[in-house]
Amino acid sequence: MARVTEKSEIERLTKIYETLPPKQLALAQGLIVQAARIRVRLDELSADINEHGMTEIFQQSEKCNAYSRTRPEAELFVKLDKNYQSVIKQLDGMIPRDDAPTEDVFSCD
């Protein structure tokens, strides 16, 4: 699988949202860049987690027992994934919906 770059992801997302009105597209551009940065980092973290796992055996000192803990990379992945979903949801909310009902479909008229 080809590695996603920030530039390629910005181009991909810009193409998706290029039909937005100019002012909205200008606003969306910051979100697009942020989404691209997060996506690249998520892919890097995903590769690391696939190679090293979500947990690790950790020992504070030789006097303490070792225990399994979530790796910092896994915790960061979860946080970034939530941020990515939030940014994409904001971008998606900028797209006008043609399929939205124009009248009350539950009306008895």
PDB file of N, CA and C in Angstrom:
ATOM      1  N   MET A   1       0.849  -1.169   0.000  1.00  0.00           N
ATOM      2  CA  MET A   1       0.000   0.000   0.000  1.00  0.00           C
ATOM      3  C   MET A   1       0.898   1.236   0.000  1.00  0.00           C
ATOM      4  N   ALA A   2       0.561   2.195  -0.844  1.00  0.00           N
ATOM      5  CA  ALA A   2       1.335   3.422  -0.950  1.00  0.00           C
ATOM      6  C   ALA A   2       1.163   4.261   0.311  1.00  0.00           C
ATOM      7  N   ARG A   3       2.255   4.862   0.725  1.00  0.00           N
ATOM      8  CA  ARG A   3       2.238   5.713   1.915  1.00  0.00           C
ATOM      9  C   ARG A   3       1.503   7.011   1.594  1.00  0.00           C
ATOM     10  N   VAL A   4       0.578   7.369   2.480  1.00  0.00           N
ATOM     11  CA  VAL A   4      -0.165   8.624   2.328  1.00  0.00           C
ATOM     12  C   VAL A   4       0.735   9.756   2.795  1.00  0.00           C
ATOM     13  N   THR A   5       0.868  10.779   1.959  1.00  0.00           N
ATOM     14  CA  THR A   5       1.633  11.952   2.359  1.00  0.00           C
ATOM     15  C   THR A   5       0.664  13.085   2.674  1.00  0.00           C
ATOM     16  N   GLU A   6       1.160  14.052   3.405  1.00  0.00           N
ATOM     17  CA  GLU A   6       0.324  15.206   3.729  1.00  0.00           C
ATOM     18  C   GLU A   6      -0.148  15.892   2.442  1.00  0.00           C
ATOM     19  N   LYS A   7       0.757  16.037   1.494  1.00  0.00           N
ATOM     20  CA  LYS A   7       0.427  16.702   0.227  1.00  0.00           C
ATOM     21  C   LYS A   7      -0.642  15.920  -0.544  1.00  0.00           C
ATOM     22  N   SER A   8      -0.482  14.603  -0.636  1.00  0.00           N
ATOM     23  CA  SER A   8      -1.459  13.799  -1.391  1.00  0.00           C
ATOM     24  C   SER A   8      -2.826  13.813  -0.709  1.00  0.00           C
ATOM     25  N   GLU A   9      -2.826  13.836   0.621  1.00  0.00           N
ATOM     26  CA  GLU A   9      -4.103  13.860   1.355  1.00  0.00           C
ATOM     27  C   GLU A   9      -4.773  15.226   1.216  1.00  0.00           C
ATOM     28  N   ILE A  10      -3.999  16.293   1.235  1.00  0.00           N
ATOM     29  CA  ILE A  10      -4.567  17.628   1.013  1.00  0.00           C
ATOM     30  C   ILE A  10      -5.194  17.695  -0.377  1.00  0.00           C
ATOM     31  N   GLU A  11      -4.505  17.166  -1.371  1.00  0.00           N
ATOM     32  CA  GLU A  11      -5.039  17.150  -2.741  1.00  0.00           C
ATOM     33  C   GLU A  11      -6.325  16.328  -2.822  1.00  0.00           C
ATOM     34  N   ARG A  12      -6.342  15.163  -2.168  1.00  0.00           N
ATOM     35  CA  ARG A  12      -7.523  14.293  -2.191  1.00  0.00           C
ATOM     36  C   ARG A  12      -8.723  14.986  -1.558  1.00  0.00           C
ATOM     37  N   LEU A  13      -8.521  15.565  -0.372  1.00  0.00           N
ATOM     38  CA  LEU A  13      -9.619  16.229   0.319  1.00  0.00           C
ATOM     39  C   LEU A  13     -10.062  17.502  -0.401  1.00  0.00           C
ATOM     40  N   THR A  14      -9.125  18.248  -0.938  1.00  0.00           N
ATOM     41  CA  THR A  14      -9.469  19.461  -1.678  1.00  0.00           C
ATOM     42  C   THR A  14     -10.350  19.118  -2.868  1.00  0.00           C
ATOM     43  N   LYS A  15     -10.044  18.023  -3.534  1.00  0.00           N
ATOM     44  CA  LYS A  15     -10.855  17.600  -4.686  1.00  0.00           C
ATOM     45  C   LYS A  15     -12.284  17.265  -4.236  1.00  0.00           C
ATOM     46  N   ILE A  16     -12.427  16.641  -3.090  1.00  0.00           N
ATOM     47  CA  ILE A  16     -13.751  16.290  -2.573  1.00  0.00           C
ATOM     48  C   ILE A  16     -14.574  17.543  -2.287  1.00  0.00           C
ATOM     49  N   TYR A  17     -13.918  18.565  -1.735  1.00  0.00           N
ATOM     50  CA  TYR A  17     -14.640  19.758  -1.285  1.00  0.00           C
ATOM     51  C   TYR A  17     -14.518  20.948  -2.238  1.00  0.00           C
ATOM     52  N   GLU A  18     -13.979  20.727  -3.440  1.00  0.00           N
ATOM     53  CA  GLU A  18     -13.759  21.829  -4.382  1.00  0.00           C
ATOM     54  C   GLU A  18     -15.046  22.487  -4.876  1.00  0.00           C
ATOM     55  N   THR A  19     -16.178  21.832  -4.724  1.00  0.00           N
ATOM     56  CA  THR A  19     -17.440  22.410  -5.189  1.00  0.00           C
ATOM     57  C   THR A  19     -18.069  23.359  -4.172  1.00  0.00           C
ATOM     58  N   LEU A  20     -17.436  23.490  -3.011  1.00  0.00           N
ATOM     59  CA  LEU A  20     -17.947  24.438  -2.017  1.00  0.00           C
ATOM     60  C   LEU A  20     -17.833  25.862  -2.569  1.00  0.00           C
ATOM     61  N   PRO A  21     -18.732  26.740  -2.168  1.00  0.00           N
ATOM     62  CA  PRO A  21     -18.588  28.143  -2.547  1.00  0.00           C
ATOM     63  C   PRO A  21     -17.222  28.667  -2.084  1.00  0.00           C
ATOM     64  N   PRO A  22     -16.646  29.640  -2.797  1.00  0.00           N
ATOM     65  CA  PRO A  22     -15.284  30.111  -2.497  1.00  0.00           C
ATOM     66  C   PRO A  22     -15.031  30.474  -1.030  1.00  0.00           C
ATOM     67  N   LYS A  23     -15.970  31.177  -0.398  1.00  0.00           N
ATOM     68  CA  LYS A  23     -15.759  31.559   1.003  1.00  0.00           C
ATOM     69  C   LYS A  23     -15.741  30.332   1.911  1.00  0.00           C
ATOM     70  N   GLN A  24     -16.621  29.387   1.648  1.00  0.00           N
ATOM     71  CA  GLN A  24     -16.643  28.158   2.456  1.00  0.00           C
ATOM     72  C   GLN A  24     -15.385  27.338   2.213  1.00  0.00           C
ATOM     73  N   LEU A  25     -14.938  27.280   0.959  1.00  0.00           N
ATOM     74  CA  LEU A  25     -13.724  26.528   0.639  1.00  0.00           C
ATOM     75  C   LEU A  25     -12.524  27.135   1.354  1.00  0.00           C
ATOM     76  N   ALA A  26     -12.482  28.463   1.426  1.00  0.00           N
ATOM     77  CA  ALA A  26     -11.387  29.126   2.144  1.00  0.00           C
ATOM     78  C   ALA A  26     -11.402  28.735   3.613  1.00  0.00           C
ATOM     79  N   LEU A  27     -12.586  28.660   4.207  1.00  0.00           N
ATOM     80  CA  LEU A  27     -12.703  28.222   5.596  1.00  0.00           C
ATOM     81  C   LEU A  27     -12.330  26.743   5.743  1.00  0.00           C
ATOM     82  N   ALA A  28     -12.740  25.965   4.772  1.00  0.00           N
ATOM     83  CA  ALA A  28     -12.495  24.524   4.826  1.00  0.00           C
ATOM     84  C   ALA A  28     -11.016  24.199   4.667  1.00  0.00           C
ATOM     85  N   GLN A  29     -10.262  25.071   4.026  1.00  0.00           N
ATOM     86  CA  GLN A  29      -8.861  24.772   3.737  1.00  0.00           C
ATOM     87  C   GLN A  29      -8.056  24.471   5.006  1.00  0.00           C
ATOM     88  N   GLY A  30      -8.290  25.209   6.070  1.00  0.00           N
ATOM     89  CA  GLY A  30      -7.592  24.932   7.327  1.00  0.00           C
ATOM     90  C   GLY A  30      -7.950  23.566   7.886  1.00  0.00           C
ATOM     91  N   LEU A  31      -9.221  23.216   7.790  1.00  0.00           N
ATOM     92  CA  LEU A  31      -9.652  21.894   8.247  1.00  0.00           C
ATOM     93  C   LEU A  31      -9.053  20.790   7.382  1.00  0.00           C
ATOM     94  N   ILE A  32      -8.955  21.051   6.086  1.00  0.00           N
ATOM     95  CA  ILE A  32      -8.378  20.067   5.164  1.00  0.00           C
ATOM     96  C   ILE A  32      -6.916  19.809   5.518  1.00  0.00           C
ATOM     97  N   VAL A  33      -6.168  20.866   5.774  1.00  0.00           N
ATOM     98  CA  VAL A  33      -4.753  20.715   6.138  1.00  0.00           C
ATOM     99  C   VAL A  33      -4.634  19.954   7.464  1.00  0.00           C
ATOM    100  N   GLN A  34      -5.467  20.306   8.417  1.00  0.00           N
ATOM    101  CA  GLN A  34      -5.435  19.629   9.714  1.00  0.00           C
ATOM    102  C   GLN A  34      -5.788  18.147   9.563  1.00  0.00           C
ATOM    103  N   ALA A  35      -6.808  17.860   8.789  1.00  0.00           N
ATOM    104  CA  ALA A  35      -7.206  16.464   8.560  1.00  0.00           C
ATOM    105  C   ALA A  35      -6.074  15.688   7.894  1.00  0.00           C
ATOM    106  N   ALA A  36      -5.400  16.307   6.948  1.00  0.00           N
ATOM    107  CA  ALA A  36      -4.290  15.642   6.254  1.00  0.00           C
ATOM    108  C   ALA A  36      -3.155  15.322   7.226  1.00  0.00           C
ATOM    109  N   ARG A  37      -2.808  16.272   8.071  1.00  0.00           N
ATOM    110  CA  ARG A  37      -1.743  16.051   9.051  1.00  0.00           C
ATOM    111  C   ARG A  37      -2.099  14.903   9.991  1.00  0.00           C
ATOM    112  N   ILE A  38      -3.329  14.914  10.457  1.00  0.00           N
ATOM    113  CA  ILE A  38      -3.761  13.866  11.384  1.00  0.00           C
ATOM    114  C   ILE A  38      -3.768  12.510  10.686  1.00  0.00           C
ATOM    115  N   ARG A  39      -4.258  12.467   9.458  1.00  0.00           N
ATOM    116  CA  ARG A  39      -4.334  11.189   8.728  1.00  0.00           C
ATOM    117  C   ARG A  39      -2.957  10.577   8.538  1.00  0.00           C
ATOM    118  N   VAL A  40      -1.972  11.400   8.189  1.00  0.00           N
ATOM    119  CA  VAL A  40      -0.612  10.890   8.005  1.00  0.00           C
ATOM    120  C   VAL A  40      -0.089  10.325   9.324  1.00  0.00           C
ATOM    121  N   ARG A  41      -0.305  11.047  10.402  1.00  0.00           N
ATOM    122  CA  ARG A  41       0.163  10.587  11.714  1.00  0.00           C
ATOM    123  C   ARG A  41      -0.565   9.313  12.144  1.00  0.00           C
ATOM    124  N   LEU A  42      -1.864   9.229  11.858  1.00  0.00           N
ATOM    125  CA  LEU A  42      -2.615   8.013  12.175  1.00  0.00           C
ATOM    126  C   LEU A  42      -2.056   6.807  11.425  1.00  0.00           C
ATOM    127  N   ASP A  43      -1.717   6.999  10.164  1.00  0.00           N
ATOM    128  CA  ASP A  43      -1.138   5.894   9.388  1.00  0.00           C
ATOM    129  C   ASP A  43       0.199   5.441   9.973  1.00  0.00           C
ATOM    130  N   GLU A  44       1.016   6.410  10.404  1.00  0.00           N
ATOM    131  CA  GLU A  44       2.301   6.072  11.022  1.00  0.00           C
ATOM    132  C   GLU A  44       2.090   5.306  12.326  1.00  0.00           C
ATOM    133  N   LEU A  45       1.176   5.798  13.132  1.00  0.00           N
ATOM    134  CA  LEU A  45       0.885   5.134  14.409  1.00  0.00           C
ATOM    135  C   LEU A  45       0.290   3.747  14.184  1.00  0.00           C
ATOM    136  N   SER A  46      -0.566   3.619  13.184  1.00  0.00           N
ATOM    137  CA  SER A  46      -1.173   2.323  12.888  1.00  0.00           C
ATOM    138  C   SER A  46      -0.104   1.294  12.521  1.00  0.00           C
ATOM    139  N   ALA A  47       0.856   1.704  11.708  1.00  0.00           N
ATOM    140  CA  ALA A  47       1.947   0.800  11.331  1.00  0.00           C
ATOM    141  C   ALA A  47       2.753   0.391  12.565  1.00  0.00           C
ATOM    142  N   ASP A  48       3.016   1.339  13.450  1.00  0.00           N
ATOM    143  CA  ASP A  48       3.753   1.054  14.677  1.00  0.00           C
ATOM    144  C   ASP A  48       2.976   0.086  15.564  1.00  0.00           C
ATOM    145  N   ILE A  49       1.670   0.328  15.695  1.00  0.00           N
ATOM    146  CA  ILE A  49       0.829  -0.545  16.535  1.00  0.00           C
ATOM    147  C   ILE A  49       0.738  -1.944  15.932  1.00  0.00           C
ATOM    148  N   ASN A  50       0.643  -2.034  14.610  1.00  0.00           N
ATOM    149  CA  ASN A  50       0.615  -3.351  13.958  1.00  0.00           C
ATOM    150  C   ASN A  50       1.905  -4.118  14.214  1.00  0.00           C
ATOM    151  N   GLU A  51       3.016  -3.404  14.253  1.00  0.00           N
ATOM    152  CA  GLU A  51       4.317  -4.049  14.462  1.00  0.00           C
ATOM    153  C   GLU A  51       4.580  -4.375  15.929  1.00  0.00           C
ATOM    154  N   HIS A  52       4.234  -3.461  16.840  1.00  0.00           N
ATOM    155  CA  HIS A  52       4.610  -3.611  18.244  1.00  0.00           C
ATOM    156  C   HIS A  52       3.449  -3.907  19.187  1.00  0.00           C
ATOM    157  N   GLY A  53       2.221  -3.822  18.693  1.00  0.00           N
ATOM    158  CA  GLY A  53       1.065  -4.127  19.526  1.00  0.00           C
ATOM    159  C   GLY A  53       0.530  -2.918  20.277  1.00  0.00           C
ATOM    160  N   MET A  54      -0.663  -3.093  20.869  1.00  0.00           N
ATOM    161  CA  MET A  54      -1.325  -2.026  21.622  1.00  0.00           C
ATOM    162  C   MET A  54      -0.811  -1.933  23.057  1.00  0.00           C
ATOM    163  N   THR A  55      -0.280  -3.027  23.580  1.00  0.00           N
ATOM    164  CA  THR A  55       0.184  -3.044  24.965  1.00  0.00           C
ATOM    165  C   THR A  55       1.651  -3.447  25.022  1.00  0.00           C
ATOM    166  N   GLU A  56       2.245  -3.197  26.175  1.00  0.00           N
ATOM    167  CA  GLU A  56       3.633  -3.571  26.408  1.00  0.00           C
ATOM    168  C   GLU A  56       3.790  -3.988  27.863  1.00  0.00           C
ATOM    169  N   ILE A  57       4.822  -4.758  28.114  1.00  0.00           N
ATOM    170  CA  ILE A  57       5.154  -5.109  29.490  1.00  0.00           C
ATOM    171  C   ILE A  57       6.025  -3.977  30.028  1.00  0.00           C
ATOM    172  N   PHE A  58       5.623  -3.442  31.164  1.00  0.00           N
ATOM    173  CA  PHE A  58       6.299  -2.283  31.737  1.00  0.00           C
ATOM    174  C   PHE A  58       6.695  -2.577  33.172  1.00  0.00           C
ATOM    175  N   GLN A  59       7.881  -2.114  33.540  1.00  0.00           N
ATOM    176  CA  GLN A  59       8.366  -2.277  34.912  1.00  0.00           C
ATOM    177  C   GLN A  59       8.975  -0.954  35.352  1.00  0.00           C
ATOM    178  N   GLN A  60       8.429  -0.378  36.414  1.00  0.00           N
ATOM    179  CA  GLN A  60       8.885   0.924  36.920  1.00  0.00           C
ATOM    180  C   GLN A  60      10.323   0.844  37.412  1.00  0.00           C
ATOM    181  N   SER A  61      10.624  -0.202  38.158  1.00  0.00           N
ATOM    182  CA  SER A  61      11.987  -0.434  38.661  1.00  0.00           C
ATOM    183  C   SER A  61      12.145  -1.929  38.926  1.00  0.00           C
ATOM    184  N   GLU A  62      13.354  -2.323  39.239  1.00  0.00           N
ATOM    185  CA  GLU A  62      13.597  -3.743  39.514  1.00  0.00           C
ATOM    186  C   GLU A  62      12.884  -4.207  40.781  1.00  0.00           C
ATOM    187  N   LYS A  63      12.520  -3.282  41.627  1.00  0.00           N
ATOM    188  CA  LYS A  63      11.831  -3.622  42.876  1.00  0.00           C
ATOM    189  C   LYS A  63      10.336  -3.875  42.659  1.00  0.00           C
ATOM    190  N   CYS A  64       9.822  -3.427  41.554  1.00  0.00           N
ATOM    191  CA  CYS A  64       8.384  -3.555  41.264  1.00  0.00           C
ATOM    192  C   CYS A  64       8.138  -4.670  40.257  1.00  0.00           C
ATOM    193  N   ASN A  65       6.948  -5.246  40.345  1.00  0.00           N
ATOM    194  CA  ASN A  65       6.557  -6.264  39.387  1.00  0.00           C
ATOM    195  C   ASN A  65       6.243  -5.621  38.037  1.00  0.00           C
ATOM    196  N   ALA A  66       6.554  -6.326  37.002  1.00  0.00           N
ATOM    197  CA  ALA A  66       6.214  -5.870  35.658  1.00  0.00           C
ATOM    198  C   ALA A  66       4.721  -6.090  35.424  1.00  0.00           C
ATOM    199  N   TYR A  67       4.140  -5.234  34.600  1.00  0.00           N
ATOM    200  CA  TYR A  67       2.719  -5.371  34.272  1.00  0.00           C
ATOM    201  C   TYR A  67       2.480  -4.910  32.834  1.00  0.00           C
ATOM    202  N   SER A  68       1.346  -5.308  32.317  1.00  0.00           N
ATOM    203  CA  SER A  68       0.978  -4.930  30.959  1.00  0.00           C
ATOM    204  C   SER A  68       0.279  -3.572  30.999  1.00  0.00           C
ATOM    205  N   ARG A  69       0.665  -2.690  30.085  1.00  0.00           N
ATOM    206  CA  ARG A  69       0.025  -1.382  30.003  1.00  0.00           C
ATOM    207  C   ARG A  69      -0.170  -1.019  28.539  1.00  0.00           C
ATOM    208  N   THR A  70      -1.103  -0.111  28.315  1.00  0.00           N
ATOM    209  CA  THR A  70      -1.332   0.398  26.964  1.00  0.00           C
ATOM    210  C   THR A  70      -0.136   1.247  26.558  1.00  0.00           C
ATOM    211  N   ARG A  71       0.358   1.008  25.377  1.00  0.00           N
ATOM    212  CA  ARG A  71       1.499   1.782  24.889  1.00  0.00           C
ATOM    213  C   ARG A  71       1.062   3.223  24.624  1.00  0.00           C
ATOM    214  N   PRO A  72       1.938   4.190  24.858  1.00  0.00           N
ATOM    215  CA  PRO A  72       1.608   5.593  24.583  1.00  0.00           C
ATOM    216  C   PRO A  72       1.169   5.823  23.138  1.00  0.00           C
ATOM    217  N   GLU A  73       1.739   5.068  22.213  1.00  0.00           N
ATOM    218  CA  GLU A  73       1.366   5.208  20.805  1.00  0.00           C
ATOM    219  C   GLU A  73      -0.091   4.825  20.576  1.00  0.00           C
ATOM    220  N   ALA A  74      -0.560   3.807  21.294  1.00  0.00           N
ATOM    221  CA  ALA A  74      -1.956   3.382  21.170  1.00  0.00           C
ATOM    222  C   ALA A  74      -2.893   4.440  21.735  1.00  0.00           C
ATOM    223  N   GLU A  75      -2.510   5.032  22.863  1.00  0.00           N
ATOM    224  CA  GLU A  75      -3.331   6.095  23.450  1.00  0.00           C
ATOM    225  C   GLU A  75      -3.398   7.303  22.531  1.00  0.00           C
ATOM    226  N   LEU A  76      -2.264   7.661  21.944  1.00  0.00           N
ATOM    227  CA  LEU A  76      -2.224   8.788  21.012  1.00  0.00           C
ATOM    228  C   LEU A  76      -3.069   8.487  19.773  1.00  0.00           C
ATOM    229  N   PHE A  77      -3.024   7.235  19.296  1.00  0.00           N
ATOM    230  CA  PHE A  77      -3.824   6.854  18.136  1.00  0.00           C
ATOM    231  C   PHE A  77      -5.310   7.098  18.405  1.00  0.00           C
ATOM    232  N   VAL A  78      -5.776   6.680  19.566  1.00  0.00           N
ATOM    233  CA  VAL A  78      -7.195   6.838  19.913  1.00  0.00           C
ATOM    234  C   VAL A  78      -7.572   8.317  19.939  1.00  0.00           C
ATOM    235  N   LYS A  79      -6.732   9.149  20.555  1.00  0.00           N
ATOM    236  CA  LYS A  79      -7.009  10.589  20.633  1.00  0.00           C
ATOM    237  C   LYS A  79      -7.021  11.228  19.250  1.00  0.00           C
ATOM    238  N   LEU A  80      -6.016  10.905  18.442  1.00  0.00           N
ATOM    239  CA  LEU A  80      -5.947  11.490  17.102  1.00  0.00           C
ATOM    240  C   LEU A  80      -7.094  11.018  16.220  1.00  0.00           C
ATOM    241  N   ASP A  81      -7.495   9.760  16.390  1.00  0.00           N
ATOM    242  CA  ASP A  81      -8.611   9.238  15.599  1.00  0.00           C
ATOM    243  C   ASP A  81      -9.890  10.006  15.903  1.00  0.00           C
ATOM    244  N   LYS A  82     -10.119  10.319  17.178  1.00  0.00           N
ATOM    245  CA  LYS A  82     -11.293  11.113  17.553  1.00  0.00           C
ATOM    246  C   LYS A  82     -11.206  12.508  16.935  1.00  0.00           C
ATOM    247  N   ASN A  83     -10.019  13.108  16.980  1.00  0.00           N
ATOM    248  CA  ASN A  83      -9.836  14.432  16.375  1.00  0.00           C
ATOM    249  C   ASN A  83     -10.075  14.388  14.872  1.00  0.00           C
ATOM    250  N   TYR A  84      -9.569  13.344  14.216  1.00  0.00           N
ATOM    251  CA  TYR A  84      -9.744  13.197  12.771  1.00  0.00           C
ATOM    252  C   TYR A  84     -11.228  13.088  12.428  1.00  0.00           C
ATOM    253  N   GLN A  85     -11.937  12.262  13.168  1.00  0.00           N
ATOM    254  CA  GLN A  85     -13.368  12.101  12.918  1.00  0.00           C
ATOM    255  C   GLN A  85     -14.110  13.417  13.114  1.00  0.00           C
ATOM    256  N   SER A  86     -13.708  14.193  14.102  1.00  0.00           N
ATOM    257  CA  SER A  86     -14.337  15.489  14.363  1.00  0.00           C
ATOM    258  C   SER A  86     -14.089  16.465  13.217  1.00  0.00           C
ATOM    259  N   VAL A  87     -12.857  16.517  12.724  1.00  0.00           N
ATOM    260  CA  VAL A  87     -12.524  17.422  11.620  1.00  0.00           C
ATOM    261  C   VAL A  87     -13.279  17.011  10.351  1.00  0.00           C
ATOM    262  N   ILE A  88     -13.318  15.727  10.066  1.00  0.00           N
ATOM    263  CA  ILE A  88     -14.030  15.246   8.879  1.00  0.00           C
ATOM    264  C   ILE A  88     -15.519  15.535   9.012  1.00  0.00           C
ATOM    265  N   LYS A  89     -16.072  15.400  10.202  1.00  0.00           N
ATOM    266  CA  LYS A  89     -17.489  15.704  10.412  1.00  0.00           C
ATOM    267  C   LYS A  89     -17.755  17.190  10.157  1.00  0.00           C
ATOM    268  N   GLN A  90     -16.841  18.062  10.593  1.00  0.00           N
ATOM    269  CA  GLN A  90     -16.983  19.493  10.327  1.00  0.00           C
ATOM    270  C   GLN A  90     -16.950  19.762   8.827  1.00  0.00           C
ATOM    271  N   LEU A  91     -16.021  19.130   8.135  1.00  0.00           N
ATOM    272  CA  LEU A  91     -15.940  19.301   6.681  1.00  0.00           C
ATOM    273  C   LEU A  91     -17.204  18.784   6.010  1.00  0.00           C
ATOM    274  N   ASP A  92     -17.646  17.619   6.429  1.00  0.00           N
ATOM    275  CA  ASP A  92     -18.848  17.029   5.846  1.00  0.00           C
ATOM    276  C   ASP A  92     -20.062  17.924   6.062  1.00  0.00           C
ATOM    277  N   GLY A  93     -20.109  18.603   7.201  1.00  0.00           N
ATOM    278  CA  GLY A  93     -21.217  19.503   7.489  1.00  0.00           C
ATOM    279  C   GLY A  93     -21.253  20.733   6.591  1.00  0.00           C
ATOM    280  N   MET A  94     -20.161  21.012   5.902  1.00  0.00           N
ATOM    281  CA  MET A  94     -20.114  22.166   4.999  1.00  0.00           C
ATOM    282  C   MET A  94     -20.727  21.853   3.630  1.00  0.00           C
ATOM    283  N   ILE A  95     -20.900  20.573   3.342  1.00  0.00           N
ATOM    284  CA  ILE A  95     -21.434  20.174   2.039  1.00  0.00           C
ATOM    285  C   ILE A  95     -22.942  20.355   2.043  1.00  0.00           C
ATOM    286  N   PRO A  96     -23.458  21.127   1.088  1.00  0.00           N
ATOM    287  CA  PRO A  96     -24.925  21.274   1.008  1.00  0.00           C
ATOM    288  C   PRO A  96     -25.563  19.934   0.654  1.00  0.00           C
ATOM    289  N   ARG A  97     -26.662  19.653   1.265  1.00  0.00           N
ATOM    290  CA  ARG A  97     -27.361  18.381   1.046  1.00  0.00           C
ATOM    291  C   ARG A  97     -28.524  18.596   0.084  1.00  0.00           C
ATOM    292  N   ASP A  98     -28.430  17.995  -1.082  1.00  0.00           N
ATOM    293  CA  ASP A  98     -29.514  18.064  -2.073  1.00  0.00           C
ATOM    294  C   ASP A  98     -30.636  17.115  -1.728  1.00  0.00           C
ATOM    295  N   ASP A  99     -30.309  16.081  -0.939  1.00  0.00           N
ATOM    296  CA  ASP A  99     -31.310  15.058  -0.642  1.00  0.00           C
ATOM    297  C   ASP A  99     -32.149  15.393   0.592  1.00  0.00           C
ATOM    298  N   ALA A 100     -31.921  16.562   1.189  1.00  0.00           N
ATOM    299  CA  ALA A 100     -32.698  16.942   2.367  1.00  0.00           C
ATOM    300  C   ALA A 100     -34.132  17.254   1.949  1.00  0.00           C
ATOM    301  N   PRO A 101     -35.124  16.763   2.702  1.00  0.00           N
ATOM    302  CA  PRO A 101     -36.505  17.034   2.346  1.00  0.00           C
ATOM    303  C   PRO A 101     -36.808  18.546   2.451  1.00  0.00           C
ATOM    304  N   THR A 102     -37.535  19.039   1.477  1.00  0.00           N
ATOM    305  CA  THR A 102     -37.868  20.452   1.468  1.00  0.00           C
ATOM    306  C   THR A 102     -39.198  20.719   2.167  1.00  0.00           C
ATOM    307  N   GLU A 103     -39.967  19.646   2.383  1.00  0.00           N
ATOM    308  CA  GLU A 103     -41.233  19.786   3.089  1.00  0.00           C
ATOM    309  C   GLU A 103     -41.309  18.731   4.166  1.00  0.00           C
ATOM    310  N   ASP A 104     -42.201  18.909   5.068  1.00  0.00           N
ATOM    311  CA  ASP A 104     -42.379  17.965   6.159  1.00  0.00           C
ATOM    312  C   ASP A 104     -42.979  16.680   5.620  1.00  0.00           C
ATOM    313  N   VAL A 105     -42.184  15.611   5.600  1.00  0.00           N
ATOM    314  CA  VAL A 105     -42.661  14.339   5.042  1.00  0.00           C
ATOM    315  C   VAL A 105     -43.685  13.675   5.960  1.00  0.00           C
ATOM    316  N   PHE A 106     -43.775  14.131   7.201  1.00  0.00           N
ATOM    317  CA  PHE A 106     -44.720  13.544   8.142  1.00  0.00           C
ATOM    318  C   PHE A 106     -46.012  14.354   8.248  1.00  0.00           C
ATOM    319  N   SER A 107     -46.121  15.341   7.417  1.00  0.00           N
ATOM    320  CA  SER A 107     -47.309  16.203   7.449  1.00  0.00           C
ATOM    321  C   SER A 107     -48.535  15.412   6.982  1.00  0.00           C
ATOM    322  N   CYS A 108     -49.665  15.730   7.557  1.00  0.00           N
ATOM    323  CA  CYS A 108     -50.920  15.055   7.194  1.00  0.00           C
ATOM    324  C   CYS A 108     -51.630  15.754   6.042  1.00  0.00           C
ATOM    325  N   ASP A 109     -51.099  16.843   5.546  1.00  0.00           N
ATOM    326  CA  ASP A 109     -51.771  17.598   4.477  1.00  0.00           C
ATOM    327  C   ASP A 109     -51.810  16.816   3.190  1.00  0.00           C
TER     328      ASP A 109
END
